[in-house]
């Protein structure tokens, strides 16, 4: 990204590299005002960006990992169980204290 006056094809190629490397912010910071205006006025940019995104998805699809939510679900279930148990103990303690206060 050393060239200060990149044409639209170079900007799209740099964008593709930034998307691949995960550094879109650095790409945006590297834009000059002229380049930013060129990108904003470009009709081909949205199509090129979508194409780059689709190519990245296709290229790295085999490396994508679906998240395993089993551990999260188990922790949520345990937390719900603990809260139910705590609520049952609290209501039992409240019943006992209420019974003691009525006996006196």
PDB file of N, CA and C in Angstrom:
ATOM      1  N   UNK A   1       0.810  -1.185   0.000  1.00  0.00           N
ATOM      2  CA  UNK A   1       0.000   0.000   0.000  1.00  0.00           C
ATOM      3  C   UNK A   1       0.861   1.261   0.000  1.00  0.00           C
ATOM      4  N   UNK A   2       1.988   1.193  -0.645  1.00  0.00           N
ATOM      5  CA  UNK A   2       2.897   2.323  -0.655  1.00  0.00           C
ATOM      6  C   UNK A   2       2.501   3.371  -1.684  1.00  0.00           C
ATOM      7  N   UNK A   3       1.852   2.966  -2.771  1.00  0.00           N
ATOM      8  CA  UNK A   3       1.456   3.885  -3.822  1.00  0.00           C
ATOM      9  C   UNK A   3       0.360   4.816  -3.302  1.00  0.00           C
ATOM     10  N   UNK A   4       0.570   6.112  -3.431  1.00  0.00           N
ATOM     11  CA  UNK A   4      -0.380   7.078  -2.887  1.00  0.00           C
ATOM     12  C   UNK A   4      -1.556   7.358  -3.805  1.00  0.00           C
ATOM     13  N   UNK A   5      -1.399   7.114  -5.092  1.00  0.00           N
ATOM     14  CA  UNK A   5      -2.474   7.398  -6.042  1.00  0.00           C
ATOM     15  C   UNK A   5      -2.837   6.107  -6.764  1.00  0.00           C
ATOM     16  N   UNK A   6      -3.518   5.229  -6.060  1.00  0.00           N
ATOM     17  CA  UNK A   6      -3.909   3.944  -6.623  1.00  0.00           C
ATOM     18  C   UNK A   6      -5.189   4.112  -7.434  1.00  0.00           C
ATOM     19  N   UNK A   7      -5.279   3.388  -8.556  1.00  0.00           N
ATOM     20  CA  UNK A   7      -6.532   3.410  -9.303  1.00  0.00           C
ATOM     21  C   UNK A   7      -7.495   2.401  -8.685  1.00  0.00           C
ATOM     22  N   UNK A   8      -8.695   2.330  -9.213  1.00  0.00           N
ATOM     23  CA  UNK A   8      -9.740   1.535  -8.583  1.00  0.00           C
ATOM     24  C   UNK A   8      -9.371   0.053  -8.513  1.00  0.00           C
ATOM     25  N   UNK A   9      -8.700  -0.460  -9.552  1.00  0.00           N
ATOM     26  CA  UNK A   9      -8.304  -1.880  -9.533  1.00  0.00           C
ATOM     27  C   UNK A   9      -7.295  -2.154  -8.414  1.00  0.00           C
ATOM     28  N   UNK A  10      -6.343  -1.255  -8.248  1.00  0.00           N
ATOM     29  CA  UNK A  10      -5.357  -1.421  -7.178  1.00  0.00           C
ATOM     30  C   UNK A  10      -6.016  -1.313  -5.802  1.00  0.00           C
ATOM     31  N   UNK A  11      -6.967  -0.398  -5.679  1.00  0.00           N
ATOM     32  CA  UNK A  11      -7.673  -0.256  -4.405  1.00  0.00           C
ATOM     33  C   UNK A  11      -8.463  -1.517  -4.067  1.00  0.00           C
ATOM     34  N   UNK A  12      -9.106  -2.077  -5.070  1.00  0.00           N
ATOM     35  CA  UNK A  12      -9.862  -3.308  -4.837  1.00  0.00           C
ATOM     36  C   UNK A  12      -8.922  -4.454  -4.477  1.00  0.00           C
ATOM     37  N   UNK A  13      -7.771  -4.534  -5.131  1.00  0.00           N
ATOM     38  CA  UNK A  13      -6.803  -5.582  -4.788  1.00  0.00           C
ATOM     39  C   UNK A  13      -6.280  -5.396  -3.362  1.00  0.00           C
ATOM     40  N   UNK A  14      -6.006  -4.156  -2.987  1.00  0.00           N
ATOM     41  CA  UNK A  14      -5.552  -3.887  -1.619  1.00  0.00           C
ATOM     42  C   UNK A  14      -6.654  -4.211  -0.610  1.00  0.00           C
ATOM     43  N   UNK A  15      -7.898  -3.899  -0.985  1.00  0.00           N
ATOM     44  CA  UNK A  15      -9.027  -4.234  -0.112  1.00  0.00           C
ATOM     45  C   UNK A  15      -9.118  -5.744   0.067  1.00  0.00           C
ATOM     46  N   UNK A  16      -8.952  -6.485  -1.017  1.00  0.00           N
ATOM     47  CA  UNK A  16      -9.009  -7.954  -0.940  1.00  0.00           C
ATOM     48  C   UNK A  16      -7.927  -8.484  -0.010  1.00  0.00           C
ATOM     49  N   UNK A  17      -6.736  -7.941  -0.124  1.00  0.00           N
ATOM     50  CA  UNK A  17      -5.652  -8.363   0.766  1.00  0.00           C
ATOM     51  C   UNK A  17      -5.942  -8.019   2.214  1.00  0.00           C
ATOM     52  N   UNK A  18      -6.513  -6.844   2.446  1.00  0.00           N
ATOM     53  CA  UNK A  18      -6.848  -6.433   3.808  1.00  0.00           C
ATOM     54  C   UNK A  18      -7.955  -7.313   4.382  1.00  0.00           C
ATOM     55  N   UNK A  19      -8.924  -7.655   3.543  1.00  0.00           N
ATOM     56  CA  UNK A  19     -10.000  -8.541   3.995  1.00  0.00           C
ATOM     57  C   UNK A  19      -9.456  -9.914   4.347  1.00  0.00           C
ATOM     58  N   UNK A  20      -8.553 -10.418   3.508  1.00  0.00           N
ATOM     59  CA  UNK A  20      -7.949 -11.728   3.752  1.00  0.00           C
ATOM     60  C   UNK A  20      -7.129 -11.734   5.044  1.00  0.00           C
ATOM     61  N   UNK A  21      -6.408 -10.638   5.283  1.00  0.00           N
ATOM     62  CA  UNK A  21      -5.532 -10.555   6.449  1.00  0.00           C
ATOM     63  C   UNK A  21      -6.246 -10.052   7.699  1.00  0.00           C
ATOM     64  N   UNK A  22      -7.480  -9.597   7.534  1.00  0.00           N
ATOM     65  CA  UNK A  22      -8.239  -9.111   8.677  1.00  0.00           C
ATOM     66  C   UNK A  22      -7.814  -7.737   9.149  1.00  0.00           C
ATOM     67  N   UNK A  23      -7.375  -6.900   8.228  1.00  0.00           N
ATOM     68  CA  UNK A  23      -6.926  -5.565   8.626  1.00  0.00           C
ATOM     69  C   UNK A  23      -7.597  -4.488   7.776  1.00  0.00           C
ATOM     70  N   UNK A  24      -8.916  -4.507   7.747  1.00  0.00           N
ATOM     71  CA  UNK A  24      -9.680  -3.515   6.987  1.00  0.00           C
ATOM     72  C   UNK A  24      -9.417  -2.117   7.535  1.00  0.00           C
ATOM     73  N   UNK A  25      -9.285  -2.003   8.845  1.00  0.00           N
ATOM     74  CA  UNK A  25      -9.011  -0.696   9.453  1.00  0.00           C
ATOM     75  C   UNK A  25      -7.732  -0.075   8.928  1.00  0.00           C
ATOM     76  N   UNK A  26      -6.700  -0.878   8.793  1.00  0.00           N
ATOM     77  CA  UNK A  26      -5.435  -0.367   8.254  1.00  0.00           C
ATOM     78  C   UNK A  26      -5.599   0.072   6.800  1.00  0.00           C
ATOM     79  N   UNK A  27      -6.390  -0.690   6.045  1.00  0.00           N
ATOM     80  CA  UNK A  27      -6.646  -0.312   4.661  1.00  0.00           C
ATOM     81  C   UNK A  27      -7.349   1.038   4.598  1.00  0.00           C
ATOM     82  N   UNK A  28      -8.378   1.206   5.425  1.00  0.00           N
ATOM     83  CA  UNK A  28      -9.121   2.466   5.414  1.00  0.00           C
ATOM     84  C   UNK A  28      -8.244   3.642   5.842  1.00  0.00           C
ATOM     85  N   UNK A  29      -7.356   3.404   6.808  1.00  0.00           N
ATOM     86  CA  UNK A  29      -6.434   4.462   7.246  1.00  0.00           C
ATOM     87  C   UNK A  29      -5.437   4.826   6.157  1.00  0.00           C
ATOM     88  N   UNK A  30      -5.139   3.884   5.267  1.00  0.00           N
ATOM     89  CA  UNK A  30      -4.143   4.139   4.229  1.00  0.00           C
ATOM     90  C   UNK A  30      -4.696   4.960   3.070  1.00  0.00           C
ATOM     91  N   UNK A  31      -5.997   5.134   3.006  1.00  0.00           N
ATOM     92  CA  UNK A  31      -6.603   5.857   1.890  1.00  0.00           C
ATOM     93  C   UNK A  31      -6.313   7.355   1.973  1.00  0.00           C
ATOM     94  N   UNK A  32      -5.973   7.915   0.841  1.00  0.00           N
ATOM     95  CA  UNK A  32      -5.860   9.366   0.761  1.00  0.00           C
ATOM     96  C   UNK A  32      -7.255   9.922   0.489  1.00  0.00           C
ATOM     97  N   UNK A  33      -7.390  11.217   0.581  1.00  0.00           N
ATOM     98  CA  UNK A  33      -8.705  11.829   0.304  1.00  0.00           C
ATOM     99  C   UNK A  33      -9.149  11.556  -1.120  1.00  0.00           C
ATOM    100  N   UNK A  34      -8.222  11.625  -2.032  1.00  0.00           N
ATOM    101  CA  UNK A  34      -8.537  11.377  -3.445  1.00  0.00           C
ATOM    102  C   UNK A  34      -9.009   9.942  -3.642  1.00  0.00           C
ATOM    103  N   UNK A  35      -8.287   9.001  -3.028  1.00  0.00           N
ATOM    104  CA  UNK A  35      -8.667   7.596  -3.145  1.00  0.00           C
ATOM    105  C   UNK A  35     -10.022   7.336  -2.502  1.00  0.00           C
ATOM    106  N   UNK A  36     -10.270   7.939  -1.364  1.00  0.00           N
ATOM    107  CA  UNK A  36     -11.553   7.766  -0.695  1.00  0.00           C
ATOM    108  C   UNK A  36     -12.687   8.310  -1.556  1.00  0.00           C
ATOM    109  N   UNK A  37     -12.454   9.457  -2.172  1.00  0.00           N
ATOM    110  CA  UNK A  37     -13.466  10.034  -3.062  1.00  0.00           C
ATOM    111  C   UNK A  37     -13.684   9.140  -4.277  1.00  0.00           C
ATOM    112  N   UNK A  38     -12.607   8.582  -4.792  1.00  0.00           N
ATOM    113  CA  UNK A  38     -12.712   7.666  -5.931  1.00  0.00           C
ATOM    114  C   UNK A  38     -13.529   6.446  -5.557  1.00  0.00           C
ATOM    115  N   UNK A  39     -13.257   5.888  -4.381  1.00  0.00           N
ATOM    116  CA  UNK A  39     -14.012   4.720  -3.923  1.00  0.00           C
ATOM    117  C   UNK A  39     -15.477   5.048  -3.711  1.00  0.00           C
ATOM    118  N   UNK A  40     -15.737   6.200  -3.139  1.00  0.00           N
ATOM    119  CA  UNK A  40     -17.115   6.582  -2.856  1.00  0.00           C
ATOM    120  C   UNK A  40     -17.904   6.802  -4.146  1.00  0.00           C
ATOM    121  N   UNK A  41     -17.275   7.357  -5.159  1.00  0.00           N
ATOM    122  CA  UNK A  41     -17.956   7.639  -6.414  1.00  0.00           C
ATOM    123  C   UNK A  41     -18.015   6.433  -7.343  1.00  0.00           C
ATOM    124  N   UNK A  42     -17.277   5.399  -7.032  1.00  0.00           N
ATOM    125  CA  UNK A  42     -17.166   4.252  -7.916  1.00  0.00           C
ATOM    126  C   UNK A  42     -18.451   3.434  -7.939  1.00  0.00           C
ATOM    127  N   UNK A  43     -18.871   3.086  -9.147  1.00  0.00           N
ATOM    128  CA  UNK A  43     -20.022   2.179  -9.295  1.00  0.00           C
ATOM    129  C   UNK A  43     -19.573   0.725  -9.265  1.00  0.00           C
ATOM    130  N   UNK A  44     -18.337   0.492  -9.609  1.00  0.00           N
ATOM    131  CA  UNK A  44     -17.850  -0.881  -9.659  1.00  0.00           C
ATOM    132  C   UNK A  44     -17.386  -1.394  -8.301  1.00  0.00           C
ATOM    133  N   UNK A  45     -17.168  -0.507  -7.353  1.00  0.00           N
ATOM    134  CA  UNK A  45     -16.665  -0.933  -6.052  1.00  0.00           C
ATOM    135  C   UNK A  45     -17.616  -1.883  -5.324  1.00  0.00           C
ATOM    136  N   UNK A  46     -18.902  -1.588  -5.198  1.00  0.00           N
ATOM    137  CA  UNK A  46     -19.770  -2.536  -4.483  1.00  0.00           C
ATOM    138  C   UNK A  46     -19.764  -3.932  -5.099  1.00  0.00           C
ATOM    139  N   UNK A  47     -19.746  -4.006  -6.420  1.00  0.00           N
ATOM    140  CA  UNK A  47     -19.692  -5.317  -7.083  1.00  0.00           C
ATOM    141  C   UNK A  47     -18.365  -6.007  -6.806  1.00  0.00           C
ATOM    142  N   UNK A  48     -17.282  -5.261  -6.882  1.00  0.00           N
ATOM    143  CA  UNK A  48     -15.958  -5.834  -6.641  1.00  0.00           C
ATOM    144  C   UNK A  48     -15.812  -6.294  -5.199  1.00  0.00           C
ATOM    145  N   UNK A  49     -16.333  -5.511  -4.261  1.00  0.00           N
ATOM    146  CA  UNK A  49     -16.260  -5.882  -2.841  1.00  0.00           C
ATOM    147  C   UNK A  49     -17.051  -7.160  -2.594  1.00  0.00           C
ATOM    148  N   UNK A  50     -18.223  -7.263  -3.185  1.00  0.00           N
ATOM    149  CA  UNK A  50     -19.033  -8.477  -3.032  1.00  0.00           C
ATOM    150  C   UNK A  50     -18.319  -9.683  -3.644  1.00  0.00           C
ATOM    151  N   UNK A  51     -17.694  -9.489  -4.790  1.00  0.00           N
ATOM    152  CA  UNK A  51     -16.946 -10.571  -5.432  1.00  0.00           C
ATOM    153  C   UNK A  51     -15.785 -11.021  -4.548  1.00  0.00           C
ATOM    154  N   UNK A  52     -15.057 -10.070  -3.985  1.00  0.00           N
ATOM    155  CA  UNK A  52     -13.938 -10.394  -3.101  1.00  0.00           C
ATOM    156  C   UNK A  52     -14.445 -11.149  -1.876  1.00  0.00           C
ATOM    157  N   UNK A  53     -15.560 -10.708  -1.317  1.00  0.00           N
ATOM    158  CA  UNK A  53     -16.112 -11.375  -0.149  1.00  0.00           C
ATOM    159  C   UNK A  53     -16.501 -12.810  -0.478  1.00  0.00           C
ATOM    160  N   UNK A  54     -17.139 -13.012  -1.625  1.00  0.00           N
ATOM    161  CA  UNK A  54     -17.531 -14.364  -2.031  1.00  0.00           C
ATOM    162  C   UNK A  54     -16.314 -15.249  -2.294  1.00  0.00           C
ATOM    163  N   UNK A  55     -15.288 -14.677  -2.924  1.00  0.00           N
ATOM    164  CA  UNK A  55     -14.068 -15.451  -3.159  1.00  0.00           C
ATOM    165  C   UNK A  55     -13.395 -15.844  -1.849  1.00  0.00           C
ATOM    166  N   UNK A  56     -13.375 -14.938  -0.883  1.00  0.00           N
ATOM    167  CA  UNK A  56     -12.801 -15.266   0.428  1.00  0.00           C
ATOM    168  C   UNK A  56     -13.592 -16.360   1.112  1.00  0.00           C
ATOM    169  N   UNK A  57     -14.907 -16.283   1.038  1.00  0.00           N
ATOM    170  CA  UNK A  57     -15.742 -17.318   1.653  1.00  0.00           C
ATOM    171  C   UNK A  57     -15.460 -18.661   1.000  1.00  0.00           C
ATOM    172  N   UNK A  58     -15.384 -18.683  -0.336  1.00  0.00           N
ATOM    173  CA  UNK A  58     -15.123 -19.932  -1.050  1.00  0.00           C
ATOM    174  C   UNK A  58     -13.713 -20.450  -0.781  1.00  0.00           C
ATOM    175  N   UNK A  59     -12.754 -19.547  -0.701  1.00  0.00           N
ATOM    176  CA  UNK A  59     -11.360 -19.959  -0.507  1.00  0.00           C
ATOM    177  C   UNK A  59     -11.105 -20.526   0.875  1.00  0.00           C
ATOM    178  N   UNK A  60     -11.742 -19.958   1.884  1.00  0.00           N
ATOM    179  CA  UNK A  60     -11.460 -20.361   3.253  1.00  0.00           C
ATOM    180  C   UNK A  60     -12.581 -21.175   3.879  1.00  0.00           C
ATOM    181  N   UNK A  61     -13.488 -21.683   3.061  1.00  0.00           N
ATOM    182  CA  UNK A  61     -14.624 -22.436   3.588  1.00  0.00           C
ATOM    183  C   UNK A  61     -14.180 -23.708   4.304  1.00  0.00           C
ATOM    184  N   UNK A  62     -13.143 -24.358   3.812  1.00  0.00           N
ATOM    185  CA  UNK A  62     -12.693 -25.593   4.448  1.00  0.00           C
ATOM    186  C   UNK A  62     -12.002 -25.331   5.780  1.00  0.00           C
ATOM    187  N   UNK A  63     -11.568 -24.086   6.010  1.00  0.00           N
ATOM    188  CA  UNK A  63     -10.905 -23.744   7.264  1.00  0.00           C
ATOM    189  C   UNK A  63     -11.865 -23.174   8.298  1.00  0.00           C
ATOM    190  N   UNK A  64     -13.094 -22.941   7.872  1.00  0.00           N
ATOM    191  CA  UNK A  64     -14.082 -22.374   8.796  1.00  0.00           C
ATOM    192  C   UNK A  64     -14.462 -23.416   9.840  1.00  0.00           C
ATOM    193  N   UNK A  65     -14.631 -22.966  11.048  1.00  0.00           N
ATOM    194  CA  UNK A  65     -14.971 -23.864  12.139  1.00  0.00           C
ATOM    195  C   UNK A  65     -16.300 -23.401  12.726  1.00  0.00           C
ATOM    196  N   UNK A  66     -17.235 -24.320  12.791  1.00  0.00           N
ATOM    197  CA  UNK A  66     -18.520 -23.993  13.415  1.00  0.00           C
ATOM    198  C   UNK A  66     -18.342 -24.044  14.928  1.00  0.00           C
ATOM    199  N   UNK A  67     -18.869 -23.082  15.621  1.00  0.00           N
ATOM    200  CA  UNK A  67     -18.700 -23.072  17.078  1.00  0.00           C
ATOM    201  C   UNK A  67     -19.456 -24.223  17.732  1.00  0.00           C
ATOM    202  N   UNK A  68     -18.865 -24.771  18.771  1.00  0.00           N
ATOM    203  CA  UNK A  68     -19.499 -25.828  19.540  1.00  0.00           C
ATOM    204  C   UNK A  68     -20.180 -25.173  20.732  1.00  0.00           C
ATOM    205  N   UNK A  69     -21.484 -25.244  20.768  1.00  0.00           N
ATOM    206  CA  UNK A  69     -22.232 -24.578  21.827  1.00  0.00           C
ATOM    207  C   UNK A  69     -22.596 -25.536  22.955  1.00  0.00           C
ATOM    208  N   UNK A  70     -22.086 -26.747  22.908  1.00  0.00           N
ATOM    209  CA  UNK A  70     -22.398 -27.728  23.941  1.00  0.00           C
ATOM    210  C   UNK A  70     -21.958 -27.284  25.322  1.00  0.00           C
ATOM    211  N   UNK A  71     -20.751 -26.770  25.434  1.00  0.00           N
ATOM    212  CA  UNK A  71     -20.245 -26.311  26.725  1.00  0.00           C
ATOM    213  C   UNK A  71     -21.073 -25.128  27.233  1.00  0.00           C
ATOM    214  N   UNK A  72     -21.405 -24.206  26.346  1.00  0.00           N
ATOM    215  CA  UNK A  72     -22.232 -23.057  26.730  1.00  0.00           C
ATOM    216  C   UNK A  72     -23.590 -23.535  27.238  1.00  0.00           C
ATOM    217  N   UNK A  73     -24.206 -24.463  26.532  1.00  0.00           N
ATOM    218  CA  UNK A  73     -25.511 -24.986  26.936  1.00  0.00           C
ATOM    219  C   UNK A  73     -25.417 -25.676  28.290  1.00  0.00           C
ATOM    220  N   UNK A  74     -24.362 -26.455  28.503  1.00  0.00           N
ATOM    221  CA  UNK A  74     -24.191 -27.136  29.784  1.00  0.00           C
ATOM    222  C   UNK A  74     -24.041 -26.125  30.921  1.00  0.00           C
ATOM    223  N   UNK A  75     -23.307 -25.056  30.691  1.00  0.00           N
ATOM    224  CA  UNK A  75     -23.128 -24.033  31.734  1.00  0.00           C
ATOM    225  C   UNK A  75     -24.441 -23.305  32.017  1.00  0.00           C
ATOM    226  N   UNK A  76     -25.198 -23.013  30.979  1.00  0.00           N
ATOM    227  CA  UNK A  76     -26.496 -22.359  31.178  1.00  0.00           C
ATOM    228  C   UNK A  76     -27.425 -23.279  31.959  1.00  0.00           C
ATOM    229  N   UNK A  77     -27.452 -24.554  31.593  1.00  0.00           N
ATOM    230  CA  UNK A  77     -28.290 -25.510  32.325  1.00  0.00           C
ATOM    231  C   UNK A  77     -27.875 -25.603  33.790  1.00  0.00           C
ATOM    232  N   UNK A  78     -26.573 -25.623  34.041  1.00  0.00           N
ATOM    233  CA  UNK A  78     -26.082 -25.689  35.423  1.00  0.00           C
ATOM    234  C   UNK A  78     -26.473 -24.436  36.191  1.00  0.00           C
ATOM    235  N   UNK A  79     -26.380 -23.271  35.551  1.00  0.00           N
ATOM    236  CA  UNK A  79     -26.744 -22.012  36.204  1.00  0.00           C
ATOM    237  C   UNK A  79     -28.243 -21.982  36.516  1.00  0.00           C
ATOM    238  N   UNK A  80     -29.055 -22.459  35.578  1.00  0.00           N
ATOM    239  CA  UNK A  80     -30.502 -22.511  35.815  1.00  0.00           C
ATOM    240  C   UNK A  80     -30.809 -23.449  36.975  1.00  0.00           C
ATOM    241  N   UNK A  81     -30.146 -24.599  36.986  1.00  0.00           N
ATOM    242  CA  UNK A  81     -30.347 -25.547  38.081  1.00  0.00           C
ATOM    243  C   UNK A  81     -29.952 -24.955  39.420  1.00  0.00           C
ATOM    244  N   UNK A  82     -28.819 -24.246  39.457  1.00  0.00           N
ATOM    245  CA  UNK A  82     -28.363 -23.629  40.701  1.00  0.00           C
ATOM    246  C   UNK A  82     -29.345 -22.558  41.171  1.00  0.00           C
ATOM    247  N   UNK A  83     -29.879 -21.784  40.245  1.00  0.00           N
ATOM    248  CA  UNK A  83     -30.843 -20.751  40.629  1.00  0.00           C
ATOM    249  C   UNK A  83     -32.148 -21.363  41.134  1.00  0.00           C
ATOM    250  N   UNK A  84     -32.582 -22.431  40.495  1.00  0.00           N
ATOM    251  CA  UNK A  84     -33.798 -23.106  40.964  1.00  0.00           C
ATOM    252  C   UNK A  84     -33.592 -23.682  42.354  1.00  0.00           C
ATOM    253  N   UNK A  85     -32.430 -24.300  42.568  1.00  0.00           N
ATOM    254  CA  UNK A  85     -32.122 -24.866  43.868  1.00  0.00           C
ATOM    255  C   UNK A  85     -32.063 -23.765  44.925  1.00  0.00           C
ATOM    256  N   UNK A  86     -31.415 -22.659  44.590  1.00  0.00           N
ATOM    257  CA  UNK A  86     -31.312 -21.521  45.510  1.00  0.00           C
ATOM    258  C   UNK A  86     -32.705 -20.953  45.813  1.00  0.00           C
ATOM    259  N   UNK A  87     -33.543 -20.866  44.788  1.00  0.00           N
ATOM    260  CA  UNK A  87     -34.900 -20.353  44.985  1.00  0.00           C
ATOM    261  C   UNK A  87     -35.709 -21.290  45.873  1.00  0.00           C
ATOM    262  N   UNK A  88     -35.548 -22.601  45.688  1.00  0.00           N
ATOM    263  CA  UNK A  88     -36.270 -23.575  46.510  1.00  0.00           C
ATOM    264  C   UNK A  88     -35.792 -23.506  47.961  1.00  0.00           C
ATOM    265  N   UNK A  89     -34.476 -23.365  48.165  1.00  0.00           N
ATOM    266  CA  UNK A  89     -33.944 -23.258  49.517  1.00  0.00           C
ATOM    267  C   UNK A  89     -34.413 -21.970  50.181  1.00  0.00           C
ATOM    268  N   UNK A  90     -34.430 -20.882  49.422  1.00  0.00           N
ATOM    269  CA  UNK A  90     -34.860 -19.602  49.975  1.00  0.00           C
ATOM    270  C   UNK A  90     -36.332 -19.645  50.359  1.00  0.00           C
ATOM    271  N   UNK A  91     -37.157 -20.269  49.513  1.00  0.00           N
ATOM    272  CA  UNK A  91     -38.582 -20.326  49.841  1.00  0.00           C
ATOM    273  C   UNK A  91     -38.821 -21.266  51.024  1.00  0.00           C
ATOM    274  N   UNK A  92     -38.017 -22.340  51.126  1.00  0.00           N
ATOM    275  CA  UNK A  92     -38.149 -23.245  52.272  1.00  0.00           C
ATOM    276  C   UNK A  92     -37.740 -22.525  53.550  1.00  0.00           C
ATOM    277  N   UNK A  93     -36.661 -21.741  53.493  1.00  0.00           N
ATOM    278  CA  UNK A  93     -36.216 -20.989  54.668  1.00  0.00           C
ATOM    279  C   UNK A  93     -37.249 -19.947  55.054  1.00  0.00           C
ATOM    280  N   UNK A  94     -37.873 -19.343  54.068  1.00  0.00           N
ATOM    281  CA  UNK A  94     -38.901 -18.342  54.343  1.00  0.00           C
ATOM    282  C   UNK A  94     -40.119 -19.009  54.991  1.00  0.00           C
ATOM    283  N   UNK A  95     -40.482 -20.196  54.526  1.00  0.00           N
ATOM    284  CA  UNK A  95     -41.608 -20.921  55.136  1.00  0.00           C
ATOM    285  C   UNK A  95     -41.297 -21.301  56.577  1.00  0.00           C
ATOM    286  N   UNK A  96     -40.034 -21.720  56.821  1.00  0.00           N
ATOM    287  CA  UNK A  96     -39.649 -22.107  58.182  1.00  0.00           C
ATOM    288  C   UNK A  96     -39.677 -20.900  59.102  1.00  0.00           C
ATOM    289  N   UNK A  97     -39.120 -19.766  58.631  1.00  0.00           N
ATOM    290  CA  UNK A  97     -39.115 -18.578  59.483  1.00  0.00           C
ATOM    291  C   UNK A  97     -40.530 -18.054  59.699  1.00  0.00           C
ATOM    292  N   UNK A  98     -41.373 -18.182  58.705  1.00  0.00           N
ATOM    293  CA  UNK A  98     -42.766 -17.753  58.850  1.00  0.00           C
ATOM    294  C   UNK A  98     -43.492 -18.659  59.844  1.00  0.00           C
ATOM    295  N   UNK A  99     -43.206 -19.956  59.765  1.00  0.00           N
ATOM    296  CA  UNK A  99     -43.838 -20.903  60.705  1.00  0.00           C
ATOM    297  C   UNK A  99     -43.355 -20.634  62.133  1.00  0.00           C
ATOM    298  N   UNK A 100     -42.086 -20.326  62.311  1.00  0.00           N
ATOM    299  CA  UNK A 100     -41.556 -20.045  63.632  1.00  0.00           C
ATOM    300  C   UNK A 100     -42.178 -18.763  64.207  1.00  0.00           C
ATOM    301  N   UNK A 101     -42.350 -17.780  63.355  1.00  0.00           N
ATOM    302  CA  UNK A 101     -42.903 -16.503  63.842  1.00  0.00           C
ATOM    303  C   UNK A 101     -44.376 -16.645  64.206  1.00  0.00           C
ATOM    304  N   UNK A 102     -45.104 -17.523  63.564  1.00  0.00           N
ATOM    305  CA  UNK A 102     -46.521 -17.721  63.911  1.00  0.00           C
ATOM    306  C   UNK A 102     -46.673 -18.584  65.147  1.00  0.00           C
ATOM    307  N   UNK A 103     -45.684 -19.439  65.439  1.00  0.00           N
ATOM    308  CA  UNK A 103     -45.745 -20.273  66.644  1.00  0.00           C
ATOM    309  C   UNK A 103     -45.553 -19.448  67.897  1.00  0.00           C
ATOM    310  N   UNK A 104     -44.811 -18.386  67.807  1.00  0.00           N
ATOM    311  CA  UNK A 104     -44.485 -17.600  68.994  1.00  0.00           C
ATOM    312  C   UNK A 104     -45.565 -16.694  69.380  1.00  0.00           C
TER     313      UNK A 104
END
